[in-house]
PDB file of N, CA and C in Angstrom:
ATOM      1  N   MET A   1      33.388  -0.635  92.776  1.00  0.00           N
ATOM      2  CA  MET A   1      34.705  -0.148  92.423  1.00  0.00           C
ATOM      3  C   MET A   1      35.006  -0.412  90.950  1.00  0.00           C
ATOM      4  N   LYS A   2      34.656  -1.608  90.500  1.00  0.00           N
ATOM      5  CA  LYS A   2      34.914  -1.979  89.101  1.00  0.00           C
ATOM      6  C   LYS A   2      34.100  -1.077  88.159  1.00  0.00           C
ATOM      7  N   GLU A   3      32.847  -0.782  88.577  1.00  0.00           N
ATOM      8  CA  GLU A   3      31.988   0.077  87.750  1.00  0.00           C
ATOM      9  C   GLU A   3      32.591   1.460  87.583  1.00  0.00           C
ATOM     10  N   LYS A   4      33.138   2.018  88.679  1.00  0.00           N
ATOM     11  CA  LYS A   4      33.781   3.329  88.599  1.00  0.00           C
ATOM     12  C   LYS A   4      34.982   3.300  87.664  1.00  0.00           C
ATOM     13  N   LYS A   5      35.772   2.240  87.741  1.00  0.00           N
ATOM     14  CA  LYS A   5      36.936   2.092  86.832  1.00  0.00           C
ATOM     15  C   LYS A   5      36.459   2.038  85.419  1.00  0.00           C
ATOM     16  N   THR A   6      35.374   1.286  85.160  1.00  0.00           N
ATOM     17  CA  THR A   6      34.852   1.179  83.805  1.00  0.00           C
ATOM     18  C   THR A   6      34.368   2.526  83.319  1.00  0.00           C
ATOM     19  N   ASN A   7      33.666   3.279  84.178  1.00  0.00           N
ATOM     20  CA  ASN A   7      33.178   4.617  83.797  1.00  0.00           C
ATOM     21  C   ASN A   7      34.335   5.558  83.553  1.00  0.00           C
ATOM     22  N   ASP A   8      35.373   5.466  84.392  1.00  0.00           N
ATOM     23  CA  ASP A   8      36.548   6.315  84.165  1.00  0.00           C
ATOM     24  C   ASP A   8      37.215   5.976  82.845  1.00  0.00           C
ATOM     25  N   ASP A   9      37.337   4.700  82.528  1.00  0.00           N
ATOM     26  CA  ASP A   9      37.908   4.268  81.252  1.00  0.00           C
ATOM     27  C   ASP A   9      37.057   4.760  80.071  1.00  0.00           C
ATOM     28  N   MET A  10      35.758   4.687  80.223  1.00  0.00           N
ATOM     29  CA  MET A  10      34.863   5.154  79.146  1.00  0.00           C
ATOM     30  C   MET A  10      35.005   6.657  78.950  1.00  0.00           C
ATOM     31  N   MET A  11      35.115   7.392  80.028  1.00  0.00           N
ATOM     32  CA  MET A  11      35.297   8.860  79.944  1.00  0.00           C
ATOM     33  C   MET A  11      36.626   9.192  79.283  1.00  0.00           C
ATOM     34  N   ILE A  12      37.663   8.457  79.587  1.00  0.00           N
ATOM     35  CA  ILE A  12      38.958   8.666  78.923  1.00  0.00           C
ATOM     36  C   ILE A  12      38.801   8.413  77.425  1.00  0.00           C
ATOM     37  N   PHE A  13      38.115   7.363  77.062  1.00  0.00           N
ATOM     38  CA  PHE A  13      37.899   7.013  75.660  1.00  0.00           C
ATOM     39  C   PHE A  13      37.065   8.117  74.960  1.00  0.00           C
ATOM     40  N   ILE A  14      35.990   8.578  75.622  1.00  0.00           N
ATOM     41  CA  ILE A  14      35.152   9.618  75.021  1.00  0.00           C
ATOM     42  C   ILE A  14      35.962  10.889  74.861  1.00  0.00           C
ATOM     43  N   ASN A  15      36.751  11.243  75.856  1.00  0.00           N
ATOM     44  CA  ASN A  15      37.573  12.445  75.751  1.00  0.00           C
ATOM     45  C   ASN A  15      38.594  12.340  74.626  1.00  0.00           C
ATOM     46  N   PHE A  16      39.167  11.123  74.469  1.00  0.00           N
ATOM     47  CA  PHE A  16      40.098  10.906  73.346  1.00  0.00           C
ATOM     48  C   PHE A  16      39.384  11.106  72.013  1.00  0.00           C
ATOM     49  N   MET A  17      38.173  10.544  71.893  1.00  0.00           N
ATOM     50  CA  MET A  17      37.408  10.667  70.658  1.00  0.00           C
ATOM     51  C   MET A  17      37.067  12.143  70.392  1.00  0.00           C
ATOM     52  N   LYS A  18      36.692  12.892  71.429  1.00  0.00           N
ATOM     53  CA  LYS A  18      36.392  14.297  71.260  1.00  0.00           C
ATOM     54  C   LYS A  18      37.608  15.073  70.838  1.00  0.00           C
ATOM     55  N   THR A  19      38.762  14.773  71.443  1.00  0.00           N
ATOM     56  CA  THR A  19      39.983  15.478  71.076  1.00  0.00           C
ATOM     57  C   THR A  19      40.366  15.199  69.633  1.00  0.00           C
ATOM     58  N   ALA A  20      40.269  13.943  69.225  1.00  0.00           N
ATOM     59  CA  ALA A  20      40.583  13.573  67.837  1.00  0.00           C
ATOM     60  C   ALA A  20      39.605  14.253  66.882  1.00  0.00           C
ATOM     61  N   PHE A  21      38.303  14.256  67.244  1.00  0.00           N
ATOM     62  CA  PHE A  21      37.317  14.891  66.398  1.00  0.00           C
ATOM     63  C   PHE A  21      37.568  16.379  66.253  1.00  0.00           C
ATOM     64  N   ASN A  22      37.877  17.036  67.374  1.00  0.00           N
ATOM     65  CA  ASN A  22      38.147  18.493  67.345  1.00  0.00           C
ATOM     66  C   ASN A  22      39.386  18.800  66.504  1.00  0.00           C
ATOM     67  N   ALA A  23      40.407  17.994  66.617  1.00  0.00           N
ATOM     68  CA  ALA A  23      41.626  18.212  65.805  1.00  0.00           C
ATOM     69  C   ALA A  23      41.298  18.060  64.328  1.00  0.00           C
ATOM     70  N   THR A  24      40.515  17.032  64.004  1.00  0.00           N
ATOM     71  CA  THR A  24      40.109  16.841  62.595  1.00  0.00           C
ATOM     72  C   THR A  24      39.277  18.009  62.109  1.00  0.00           C
ATOM     73  N   LEU A  25      38.344  18.471  62.921  1.00  0.00           N
ATOM     74  CA  LEU A  25      37.503  19.606  62.565  1.00  0.00           C
ATOM     75  C   LEU A  25      38.302  20.872  62.360  1.00  0.00           C
ATOM     76  N   GLU A  26      39.312  21.092  63.183  1.00  0.00           N
ATOM     77  CA  GLU A  26      40.184  22.261  63.019  1.00  0.00           C
ATOM     78  C   GLU A  26      40.931  22.180  61.687  1.00  0.00           C
ATOM     79  N   ASN A  27      41.388  20.994  61.323  1.00  0.00           N
ATOM     80  CA  ASN A  27      42.075  20.825  60.031  1.00  0.00           C
ATOM     81  C   ASN A  27      41.129  21.056  58.866  1.00  0.00           C
ATOM     82  N   ILE A  28      39.926  20.560  58.964  1.00  0.00           N
ATOM     83  CA  ILE A  28      38.932  20.738  57.931  1.00  0.00           C
ATOM     84  C   ILE A  28      38.646  22.233  57.782  1.00  0.00           C
ATOM     85  N   THR A  29      38.494  22.933  58.898  1.00  0.00           N
ATOM     86  CA  THR A  29      38.222  24.380  58.856  1.00  0.00           C
ATOM     87  C   THR A  29      39.394  25.110  58.198  1.00  0.00           C
ATOM     88  N   GLU A  30      40.604  24.740  58.530  1.00  0.00           N
ATOM     89  CA  GLU A  30      41.773  25.394  57.922  1.00  0.00           C
ATOM     90  C   GLU A  30      41.801  25.165  56.411  1.00  0.00           C
ATOM     91  N   ILE A  31      41.524  23.933  55.990  1.00  0.00           N
ATOM     92  CA  ILE A  31      41.519  23.611  54.547  1.00  0.00           C
ATOM     93  C   ILE A  31      40.446  24.425  53.862  1.00  0.00           C
ATOM     94  N   GLN A  32      39.248  24.476  54.461  1.00  0.00           N
ATOM     95  CA  GLN A  32      38.157  25.250  53.841  1.00  0.00           C
ATOM     96  C   GLN A  32      38.485  26.733  53.762  1.00  0.00           C
ATOM     97  N   ASP A  33      39.097  27.266  54.816  1.00  0.00           N
ATOM     98  CA  ASP A  33      39.477  28.663  54.792  1.00  0.00           C
ATOM     99  C   ASP A  33      40.532  28.961  53.734  1.00  0.00           C
ATOM    100  N   LEU A  34      41.517  28.090  53.602  1.00  0.00           N
ATOM    101  CA  LEU A  34      42.536  28.250  52.568  1.00  0.00           C
ATOM    102  C   LEU A  34      41.923  28.131  51.176  1.00  0.00           C
ATOM    103  N   SER A  35      41.014  27.194  50.991  1.00  0.00           N
ATOM    104  CA  SER A  35      40.339  27.023  49.717  1.00  0.00           C
ATOM    105  C   SER A  35      39.556  28.259  49.380  1.00  0.00           C
ATOM    106  N   GLU A  36      38.830  28.804  50.363  1.00  0.00           N
ATOM    107  CA  GLU A  36      38.053  30.000  50.138  1.00  0.00           C
ATOM    108  C   GLU A  36      38.947  31.146  49.675  1.00  0.00           C
ATOM    109  N   ASN A  37      40.040  31.356  50.375  1.00  0.00           N
ATOM    110  CA  ASN A  37      40.973  32.422  49.997  1.00  0.00           C
ATOM    111  C   ASN A  37      41.522  32.206  48.581  1.00  0.00           C
ATOM    112  N   PHE A  38      41.892  30.970  48.279  1.00  0.00           N
ATOM    113  CA  PHE A  38      42.428  30.648  46.970  1.00  0.00           C
ATOM    114  C   PHE A  38      41.412  30.957  45.871  1.00  0.00           C
ATOM    115  N   PHE A  39      40.202  30.417  46.023  1.00  0.00           N
ATOM    116  CA  PHE A  39      39.202  30.588  44.996  1.00  0.00           C
ATOM    117  C   PHE A  39      38.820  32.058  44.819  1.00  0.00           C
ATOM    118  N   LEU A  40      38.690  32.782  45.908  1.00  0.00           N
ATOM    119  CA  LEU A  40      38.329  34.200  45.797  1.00  0.00           C
ATOM    120  C   LEU A  40      39.457  35.011  45.178  1.00  0.00           C
ATOM    121  N   GLU A  41      40.692  34.675  45.513  1.00  0.00           N
ATOM    122  CA  GLU A  41      41.847  35.354  44.905  1.00  0.00           C
ATOM    123  C   GLU A  41      41.905  35.081  43.407  1.00  0.00           C
ATOM    124  N   MET A  42      41.679  33.821  43.047  1.00  0.00           N
ATOM    125  CA  MET A  42      41.696  33.445  41.630  1.00  0.00           C
ATOM    126  C   MET A  42      40.631  34.180  40.826  1.00  0.00           C
ATOM    127  N   THR A  43      39.425  34.259  41.394  1.00  0.00           N
ATOM    128  CA  THR A  43      38.360  34.964  40.664  1.00  0.00           C
ATOM    129  C   THR A  43      38.646  36.454  40.607  1.00  0.00           C
ATOM    130  N   GLY A  44      39.252  36.996  41.629  1.00  0.00           N
ATOM    131  CA  GLY A  44      39.554  38.415  41.641  1.00  0.00           C
ATOM    132  C   GLY A  44      40.637  38.798  40.647  1.00  0.00           C
ATOM    133  N   LYS A  45      41.586  37.882  40.403  1.00  0.00           N
ATOM    134  CA  LYS A  45      42.713  38.168  39.520  1.00  0.00           C
ATOM    135  C   LYS A  45      42.341  37.924  38.046  1.00  0.00           C
ATOM    136  N   GLY A  46      41.449  37.012  37.821  1.00  0.00           N
ATOM    137  CA  GLY A  46      41.076  36.717  36.435  1.00  0.00           C
ATOM    138  C   GLY A  46      40.237  37.795  35.834  1.00  0.00           C
ATOM    139  N   LYS A  47      40.719  38.446  34.785  1.00  0.00           N
ATOM    140  CA  LYS A  47      39.989  39.550  34.146  1.00  0.00           C
ATOM    141  C   LYS A  47      38.654  39.108  33.600  1.00  0.00           C
ATOM    142  N   LYS A  48      38.568  37.814  33.240  1.00  0.00           N
ATOM    143  CA  LYS A  48      37.349  37.323  32.614  1.00  0.00           C
ATOM    144  C   LYS A  48      36.411  36.674  33.611  1.00  0.00           C
ATOM    145  N   ALA A  49      36.787  36.707  34.914  1.00  0.00           N
ATOM    146  CA  ALA A  49      35.949  36.070  35.927  1.00  0.00           C
ATOM    147  C   ALA A  49      34.626  36.769  35.994  1.00  0.00           C
ATOM    148  N   GLN A  50      33.583  35.983  35.942  1.00  0.00           N
ATOM    149  CA  GLN A  50      32.209  36.556  35.958  1.00  0.00           C
ATOM    150  C   GLN A  50      31.664  36.503  37.375  1.00  0.00           C
ATOM    151  N   GLN A  51      30.778  37.405  37.655  1.00  0.00           N
ATOM    152  CA  GLN A  51      30.122  37.486  38.956  1.00  0.00           C
ATOM    153  C   GLN A  51      29.398  36.162  39.280  1.00  0.00           C
ATOM    154  N   GLU A  52      28.853  35.544  38.266  1.00  0.00           N
ATOM    155  CA  GLU A  52      28.172  34.267  38.451  1.00  0.00           C
ATOM    156  C   GLU A  52      29.105  33.189  39.013  1.00  0.00           C
ATOM    157  N   THR A  53      30.311  33.145  38.511  1.00  0.00           N
ATOM    158  CA  THR A  53      31.281  32.177  38.987  1.00  0.00           C
ATOM    159  C   THR A  53      31.646  32.458  40.440  1.00  0.00           C
ATOM    160  N   GLU A  54      31.883  33.715  40.743  1.00  0.00           N
ATOM    161  CA  GLU A  54      32.222  34.092  42.113  1.00  0.00           C
ATOM    162  C   GLU A  54      31.060  33.762  43.060  1.00  0.00           C
ATOM    163  N   ASN A  55      29.837  34.014  42.641  1.00  0.00           N
ATOM    164  CA  ASN A  55      28.686  33.696  43.486  1.00  0.00           C
ATOM    165  C   ASN A  55      28.549  32.195  43.695  1.00  0.00           C
ATOM    166  N   ALA A  56      28.840  31.400  42.675  1.00  0.00           N
ATOM    167  CA  ALA A  56      28.764  29.930  42.827  1.00  0.00           C
ATOM    168  C   ALA A  56      29.815  29.454  43.813  1.00  0.00           C
ATOM    169  N   ILE A  57      31.013  30.034  43.755  1.00  0.00           N
ATOM    170  CA  ILE A  57      32.064  29.653  44.678  1.00  0.00           C
ATOM    171  C   ILE A  57      31.706  30.053  46.112  1.00  0.00           C
ATOM    172  N   LYS A  58      31.148  31.240  46.270  1.00  0.00           N
ATOM    173  CA  LYS A  58      30.729  31.696  47.618  1.00  0.00           C
ATOM    174  C   LYS A  58      29.617  30.804  48.164  1.00  0.00           C
ATOM    175  N   GLU A  59      28.721  30.392  47.297  1.00  0.00           N
ATOM    176  CA  GLU A  59      27.640  29.492  47.726  1.00  0.00           C
ATOM    177  C   GLU A  59      28.226  28.143  48.162  1.00  0.00           C
ATOM    178  N   PHE A  60      29.137  27.632  47.357  1.00  0.00           N
ATOM    179  CA  PHE A  60      29.790  26.347  47.674  1.00  0.00           C
ATOM    180  C   PHE A  60      30.472  26.440  49.061  1.00  0.00           C
ATOM    181  N   ILE A  61      31.200  27.532  49.259  1.00  0.00           N
ATOM    182  CA  ILE A  61      31.928  27.714  50.541  1.00  0.00           C
ATOM    183  C   ILE A  61      30.933  27.826  51.690  1.00  0.00           C
ATOM    184  N   ALA A  62      29.846  28.572  51.495  1.00  0.00           N
ATOM    185  CA  ALA A  62      28.852  28.734  52.579  1.00  0.00           C
ATOM    186  C   ALA A  62      28.226  27.388  52.900  1.00  0.00           C
ATOM    187  N   ASN A  63      27.903  26.593  51.877  1.00  0.00           N
ATOM    188  CA  ASN A  63      27.313  25.267  52.107  1.00  0.00           C
ATOM    189  C   ASN A  63      28.295  24.331  52.819  1.00  0.00           C
ATOM    190  N   ALA A  64      29.556  24.397  52.451  1.00  0.00           N
ATOM    191  CA  ALA A  64      30.556  23.556  53.092  1.00  0.00           C
ATOM    192  C   ALA A  64      30.707  23.925  54.572  1.00  0.00           C
ATOM    193  N   LYS A  65      30.706  25.217  54.858  1.00  0.00           N
ATOM    194  CA  LYS A  65      30.801  25.680  56.243  1.00  0.00           C
ATOM    195  C   LYS A  65      29.572  25.259  57.048  1.00  0.00           C
ATOM    196  N   LYS A  66      28.414  25.368  56.413  1.00  0.00           N
ATOM    197  CA  LYS A  66      27.158  24.972  57.077  1.00  0.00           C
ATOM    198  C   LYS A  66      27.162  23.482  57.360  1.00  0.00           C
ATOM    199  N   GLY A  67      27.587  22.712  56.406  1.00  0.00           N
ATOM    200  CA  GLY A  67      27.663  21.255  56.577  1.00  0.00           C
ATOM    201  C   GLY A  67      28.643  20.880  57.694  1.00  0.00           C
ATOM    202  N   ARG A  68      29.772  21.567  57.732  1.00  0.00           N
ATOM    203  CA  ARG A  68      30.757  21.295  58.764  1.00  0.00           C
ATOM    204  C   ARG A  68      30.168  21.628  60.152  1.00  0.00           C
ATOM    205  N   GLU A  69      29.490  22.727  60.243  1.00  0.00           N
ATOM    206  CA  GLU A  69      28.898  23.125  61.534  1.00  0.00           C
ATOM    207  C   GLU A  69      27.779  22.162  61.956  1.00  0.00           C
ATOM    208  N   GLU A  70      26.971  21.698  61.000  1.00  0.00           N
ATOM    209  CA  GLU A  70      25.941  20.714  61.343  1.00  0.00           C
ATOM    210  C   GLU A  70      26.558  19.414  61.798  1.00  0.00           C
ATOM    211  N   PHE A  71      27.604  18.990  61.121  1.00  0.00           N
ATOM    212  CA  PHE A  71      28.315  17.746  61.524  1.00  0.00           C
ATOM    213  C   PHE A  71      28.896  17.882  62.914  1.00  0.00           C
ATOM    214  N   LYS A  72      29.486  19.043  63.185  1.00  0.00           N
ATOM    215  CA  LYS A  72      30.068  19.325  64.514  1.00  0.00           C
ATOM    216  C   LYS A  72      28.993  19.229  65.593  1.00  0.00           C
ATOM    217  N   ASN A  73      27.833  19.845  65.357  1.00  0.00           N
ATOM    218  CA  ASN A  73      26.769  19.821  66.335  1.00  0.00           C
ATOM    219  C   ASN A  73      26.239  18.411  66.572  1.00  0.00           C
ATOM    220  N   ILE A  74      26.120  17.631  65.525  1.00  0.00           N
ATOM    221  CA  ILE A  74      25.657  16.228  65.652  1.00  0.00           C
ATOM    222  C   ILE A  74      26.669  15.444  66.493  1.00  0.00           C
ATOM    223  N   MET A  75      27.952  15.586  66.186  1.00  0.00           N
ATOM    224  CA  MET A  75      28.969  14.845  66.932  1.00  0.00           C
ATOM    225  C   MET A  75      29.005  15.273  68.400  1.00  0.00           C
ATOM    226  N   GLU A  76      28.932  16.564  68.658  1.00  0.00           N
ATOM    227  CA  GLU A  76      28.956  17.062  70.044  1.00  0.00           C
ATOM    228  C   GLU A  76      27.736  16.528  70.819  1.00  0.00           C
ATOM    229  N   SER A  77      26.604  16.476  70.163  1.00  0.00           N
ATOM    230  CA  SER A  77      25.401  15.935  70.788  1.00  0.00           C
ATOM    231  C   SER A  77      25.603  14.458  71.140  1.00  0.00           C
ATOM    232  N   GLY A  78      26.187  13.725  70.207  1.00  0.00           N
ATOM    233  CA  GLY A  78      26.458  12.326  70.431  1.00  0.00           C
ATOM    234  C   GLY A  78      27.433  12.100  71.575  1.00  0.00           C
ATOM    235  N   PHE A  79      28.483  12.920  71.630  1.00  0.00           N
ATOM    236  CA  PHE A  79      29.444  12.807  72.735  1.00  0.00           C
ATOM    237  C   PHE A  79      28.771  13.089  74.050  1.00  0.00           C
ATOM    238  N   LYS A  80      27.910  14.098  74.100  1.00  0.00           N
ATOM    239  CA  LYS A  80      27.180  14.427  75.322  1.00  0.00           C
ATOM    240  C   LYS A  80      26.310  13.276  75.780  1.00  0.00           C
ATOM    241  N   LYS A  81      25.623  12.637  74.833  1.00  0.00           N
ATOM    242  CA  LYS A  81      24.758  11.506  75.166  1.00  0.00           C
ATOM    243  C   LYS A  81      25.585  10.360  75.704  1.00  0.00           C
ATOM    244  N   MET A  82      26.742  10.117  75.081  1.00  0.00           N
ATOM    245  CA  MET A  82      27.617   9.026  75.579  1.00  0.00           C
ATOM    246  C   MET A  82      28.112   9.346  76.975  1.00  0.00           C
ATOM    247  N   GLU A  83      28.493  10.571  77.230  1.00  0.00           N
ATOM    248  CA  GLU A  83      28.954  10.972  78.574  1.00  0.00           C
ATOM    249  C   GLU A  83      27.837  10.797  79.575  1.00  0.00           C
ATOM    250  N   ASP A  84      26.612  11.186  79.195  1.00  0.00           N
ATOM    251  CA  ASP A  84      25.470  11.043  80.127  1.00  0.00           C
ATOM    252  C   ASP A  84      25.231   9.581  80.458  1.00  0.00           C
ATOM    253  N   VAL A  85      25.343   8.702  79.474  1.00  0.00           N
ATOM    254  CA  VAL A  85      25.113   7.277  79.726  1.00  0.00           C
ATOM    255  C   VAL A  85      26.184   6.748  80.682  1.00  0.00           C
ATOM    256  N   VAL A  86      27.423   7.133  80.430  1.00  0.00           N
ATOM    257  CA  VAL A  86      28.552   6.644  81.268  1.00  0.00           C
ATOM    258  C   VAL A  86      28.421   7.185  82.697  1.00  0.00           C
ATOM    259  N   ASN A  87      28.004   8.432  82.821  1.00  0.00           N
ATOM    260  CA  ASN A  87      27.974   9.037  84.148  1.00  0.00           C
ATOM    261  C   ASN A  87      26.630   8.869  84.858  1.00  0.00           C
ATOM    262  N   LYS A  88      25.696   8.192  84.223  1.00  0.00           N
ATOM    263  CA  LYS A  88      24.363   7.998  84.788  1.00  0.00           C
ATOM    264  C   LYS A  88      24.453   7.249  86.108  1.00  0.00           C
ATOM    265  N   LYS A  89      23.824   7.796  87.110  1.00  0.00           N
ATOM    266  CA  LYS A  89      23.745   7.160  88.428  1.00  0.00           C
ATOM    267  C   LYS A  89      22.486   6.326  88.497  1.00  0.00           C
ATOM    268  N   ASP A  90      22.641   5.047  88.816  1.00  0.00           N
ATOM    269  CA  ASP A  90      21.452   4.167  88.929  1.00  0.00           C
ATOM    270  C   ASP A  90      20.886   4.204  90.304  1.00  0.00           C
TER     271      ASP A  90
END
């Protein structure tokens, strides 16, 4: 009985961590999207903006999104492993 309570408590903790992580990731995504729009609008409005600058900004944005997605996948994998350990039947 005590083991089930401990497992239930661990699952509550893991779910809390996942919820907090997902909320943080959503905020990061929103900030990145707003930054992307800002930078692209600024380069579009500037008469002297060069294609090279716009390409550098697009590359920066793509790398940031890729990094965010890789981080998300690593965290989700870690959460899954933690859940598997907690729910493992001996």
